[in-house]
Amino acid sequence: LNFLGSLFTMFFRIPIYLDSLGTVFIAQTLGLKYAIFTSIAGSLLNSLYDSVALYFIPVGIINAVVANYLFSKTKSSKLTKAFILSIPACIASALITAYIFNGVTTSSSSILLQLLRTSGLSLLASTLIIQAITDFADKYIMIQLSDIIIRRIPNDLKMSLIFDDYKKGKKNN
């Protein structure tokens, strides 16, 4: 899901990412260690067509940790979860984008960033603003899509996955 989401947004030049869709889905269903694995595997796959993907592995791991916490420990609304999930991702992504890539990555949001830079804002301020907007939209869409996917999984399969994990004592470890 991480690979397909990222490929979709790059192909259609949509200024969001969807590169953590699988990570959010797995954090909701199977727990932290599987979400971290999904994030790293997705970044490695994405690096086959997106040269900057490897640099954002820490952001994916942050997404896995925060998503796991939000879906296992809180009953917040989807909007609140998207907001909370987007804050650490925004900060980490902005620092990587500004300081490693000087504001230019393969994402369509780089175009928005360059437009904002012409207003006279610093590179980091511009990057934080764009990341805040795009990360929130990205996380909200991913949470919605993940919920749709979960609703489409047959109940017996969901129960089997959840029961097997609890039976082994591995849920959210």
Protein backbone atom coordinates (compact mmCIF):
# COMPACT_ATOMS: atom_id res chain seq x y z
CA LEU A 1 0.00 0.00 0.00
CA ASN A 2 2.89 2.39 0.73
CA PHE A 3 4.37 1.71 -2.69
CA LEU A 4 1.06 2.03 -4.56
CA GLY A 5 0.02 5.19 -2.70
CA SER A 6 3.34 6.88 -3.38
CA LEU A 7 3.39 5.79 -7.03
CA PHE A 8 -0.17 7.09 -7.50
CA THR A 9 0.60 10.55 -6.11
CA MET A 10 3.84 10.84 -8.08
CA PHE A 11 2.22 9.72 -11.34
CA PHE A 12 -0.66 12.18 -11.01
CA ARG A 13 1.55 14.90 -9.43
CA ILE A 14 -0.76 15.27 -6.42
CA PRO A 15 0.85 17.37 -3.65
CA ILE A 16 0.32 14.76 -0.93
CA TYR A 17 2.30 11.58 -0.33
CA LEU A 18 0.20 8.50 0.59
CA ASP A 19 3.53 6.72 1.17
CA SER A 20 2.49 5.64 4.68
CA LEU A 21 -0.94 4.23 3.82
CA GLY A 22 0.21 0.66 4.47
CA THR A 23 2.00 1.75 7.63
CA VAL A 24 -1.16 3.36 9.05
CA PHE A 25 -3.27 0.35 8.03
CA ILE A 26 -0.84 -2.11 9.63
CA ALA A 27 -0.53 0.05 12.77
CA GLN A 28 -4.32 -0.10 13.08
CA THR A 29 -4.57 -3.83 12.56
CA LEU A 30 -1.36 -5.65 13.50
CA GLY A 31 0.65 -3.34 15.72
CA LEU A 32 3.92 -1.47 15.96
CA LYS A 33 6.63 -3.88 14.86
CA TYR A 34 4.70 -4.80 11.71
CA ALA A 35 4.02 -1.13 10.99
CA ILE A 36 7.72 -0.26 11.30
CA PHE A 37 8.63 -3.16 9.00
CA THR A 38 5.98 -2.01 6.51
CA SER A 39 7.33 1.53 6.59
CA ILE A 40 10.94 0.50 5.96
CA ALA A 41 9.98 -2.01 3.26
CA GLY A 42 7.80 0.62 1.57
CA SER A 43 10.63 3.14 1.55
CA LEU A 44 13.01 0.58 0.07
CA LEU A 45 10.50 -0.24 -2.68
CA ASN A 46 9.76 3.43 -3.30
CA SER A 47 13.47 4.13 -3.70
CA LEU A 48 13.38 2.06 -6.91
CA TYR A 49 11.65 4.98 -8.67
CA ASP A 50 12.07 7.84 -6.17
CA SER A 51 15.66 8.61 -5.28
CA VAL A 52 14.80 10.58 -2.14
CA ALA A 53 12.62 7.92 -0.46
CA LEU A 54 15.44 6.44 1.62
CA TYR A 55 16.11 9.76 3.33
CA PHE A 56 12.55 9.78 4.66
CA ILE A 57 12.74 6.37 6.39
CA PRO A 58 12.85 8.12 9.82
CA VAL A 59 9.57 9.89 8.97
CA GLY A 60 7.95 6.54 8.17
CA ILE A 61 9.12 5.07 11.46
CA ILE A 62 7.76 8.11 13.31
CA ASN A 63 4.44 7.62 11.48
CA ALA A 64 4.38 3.96 12.55
CA VAL A 65 5.02 4.77 16.21
CA VAL A 66 2.50 7.63 16.40
CA ALA A 67 -0.18 5.77 14.40
CA ASN A 68 0.20 2.70 16.59
CA TYR A 69 -0.24 4.84 19.70
CA LEU A 70 -3.23 6.73 18.28
CA PHE A 71 -5.08 3.61 17.17
CA SER A 72 -4.32 1.47 20.21
CA LYS A 73 -4.55 4.01 23.04
CA THR A 74 -6.95 6.79 22.02
CA LYS A 75 -10.55 7.17 20.92
CA SER A 76 -9.99 10.50 19.16
CA SER A 77 -11.82 11.53 16.01
CA LYS A 78 -10.24 10.94 12.61
CA LEU A 79 -9.54 14.67 12.28
CA THR A 80 -7.78 14.76 15.65
CA LYS A 81 -5.78 11.64 14.82
CA ALA A 82 -4.75 13.13 11.47
CA PHE A 83 -3.68 16.35 13.18
CA ILE A 84 -1.65 14.54 15.86
CA LEU A 85 -0.11 12.16 13.31
CA SER A 86 0.85 15.03 11.03
CA ILE A 87 2.76 17.11 13.62
CA PRO A 88 5.86 14.91 14.11
CA ALA A 89 5.80 13.91 10.44
CA CYS A 90 5.68 17.58 9.45
CA ILE A 91 8.63 18.54 11.62
CA ALA A 92 10.81 15.59 10.56
CA SER A 93 9.93 15.95 6.86
CA ALA A 94 10.50 19.71 6.89
CA LEU A 95 13.95 19.32 8.43
CA ILE A 96 14.94 16.65 5.90
CA THR A 97 13.51 18.61 2.97
CA ALA A 98 15.07 21.92 4.00
CA TYR A 99 18.49 20.80 5.18
CA ILE A 100 19.25 17.76 3.02
CA PHE A 101 17.45 18.73 -0.19
CA ASN A 102 17.42 22.53 0.07
CA GLY A 103 13.64 22.46 -0.44
CA VAL A 104 13.61 20.46 -3.67
CA THR A 105 12.41 16.85 -3.66
CA THR A 106 10.53 14.66 -6.13
CA SER A 107 7.20 15.46 -4.46
CA SER A 108 4.71 17.78 -6.11
CA SER A 109 4.63 19.77 -2.89
CA SER A 110 8.10 21.06 -3.82
CA ILE A 111 6.42 23.25 -6.43
CA LEU A 112 4.22 24.80 -3.74
CA LEU A 113 7.27 25.23 -1.53
CA GLN A 114 9.16 27.13 -4.22
CA LEU A 115 6.16 29.39 -4.81
CA LEU A 116 5.98 30.17 -1.09
CA ARG A 117 9.73 30.86 -0.99
CA THR A 118 9.22 33.72 -3.47
CA SER A 119 7.20 35.52 -0.77
CA GLY A 120 10.39 36.10 1.19
CA LEU A 121 9.93 33.47 3.89
CA SER A 122 12.96 31.47 4.94
CA LEU A 123 13.47 27.99 3.52
CA LEU A 124 12.64 26.30 6.82
CA ALA A 125 9.52 28.44 7.45
CA SER A 126 8.28 27.80 3.91
CA THR A 127 8.96 24.09 4.25
CA LEU A 128 7.16 23.87 7.60
CA ILE A 129 4.08 25.66 6.23
CA ILE A 130 3.84 23.45 3.14
CA GLN A 131 4.55 20.29 5.14
CA ALA A 132 1.90 21.22 7.73
CA ILE A 133 -0.76 21.61 5.04
CA THR A 134 0.20 18.61 2.91
CA ASP A 135 0.94 16.30 5.85
CA PHE A 136 -2.41 16.99 7.50
CA ALA A 137 -4.28 16.35 4.23
CA ASP A 138 -2.15 13.27 3.59
CA LYS A 139 -2.74 11.79 7.05
CA TYR A 140 -6.47 12.47 6.99
CA ILE A 141 -6.85 10.82 3.58
CA MET A 142 -4.74 7.84 4.71
CA ILE A 143 -6.83 7.34 7.85
CA GLN A 144 -10.01 7.44 5.76
CA LEU A 145 -8.60 4.98 3.19
CA SER A 146 -7.31 2.68 5.90
CA ASP A 147 -10.76 2.61 7.53
CA ILE A 148 -12.34 1.77 4.16
CA ILE A 149 -9.88 -1.09 3.66
CA ILE A 150 -10.51 -2.42 7.18
CA ARG A 151 -14.28 -2.34 6.64
CA ARG A 152 -13.85 -4.36 3.43
CA ILE A 153 -11.86 -7.16 5.09
CA PRO A 154 -14.14 -10.10 5.91
CA ASN A 155 -14.90 -10.30 9.63
CA ASP A 156 -13.64 -13.86 9.98
CA LEU A 157 -10.25 -12.82 8.57
CA LYS A 158 -10.12 -9.78 10.86
CA MET A 159 -10.94 -11.89 13.89
CA SER A 160 -8.38 -14.52 12.90
CA LEU A 161 -5.60 -11.93 12.59
CA ILE A 162 -6.50 -10.19 15.83
CA PHE A 163 -7.11 -13.41 17.78
CA ASP A 164 -3.85 -15.00 16.59
CA ASP A 165 -1.89 -11.90 17.62
CA TYR A 166 -3.51 -11.73 21.05
CA LYS A 167 -3.14 -15.47 21.56
CA LYS A 168 0.59 -15.16 20.89
CA GLY A 169 0.78 -12.07 23.15
CA LYS A 170 2.20 -9.95 20.36
CA LYS A 171 -0.46 -7.32 19.74
CA ASN A 172 1.10 -3.82 19.65
CA ASN A 173 4.54 -4.99 20.75
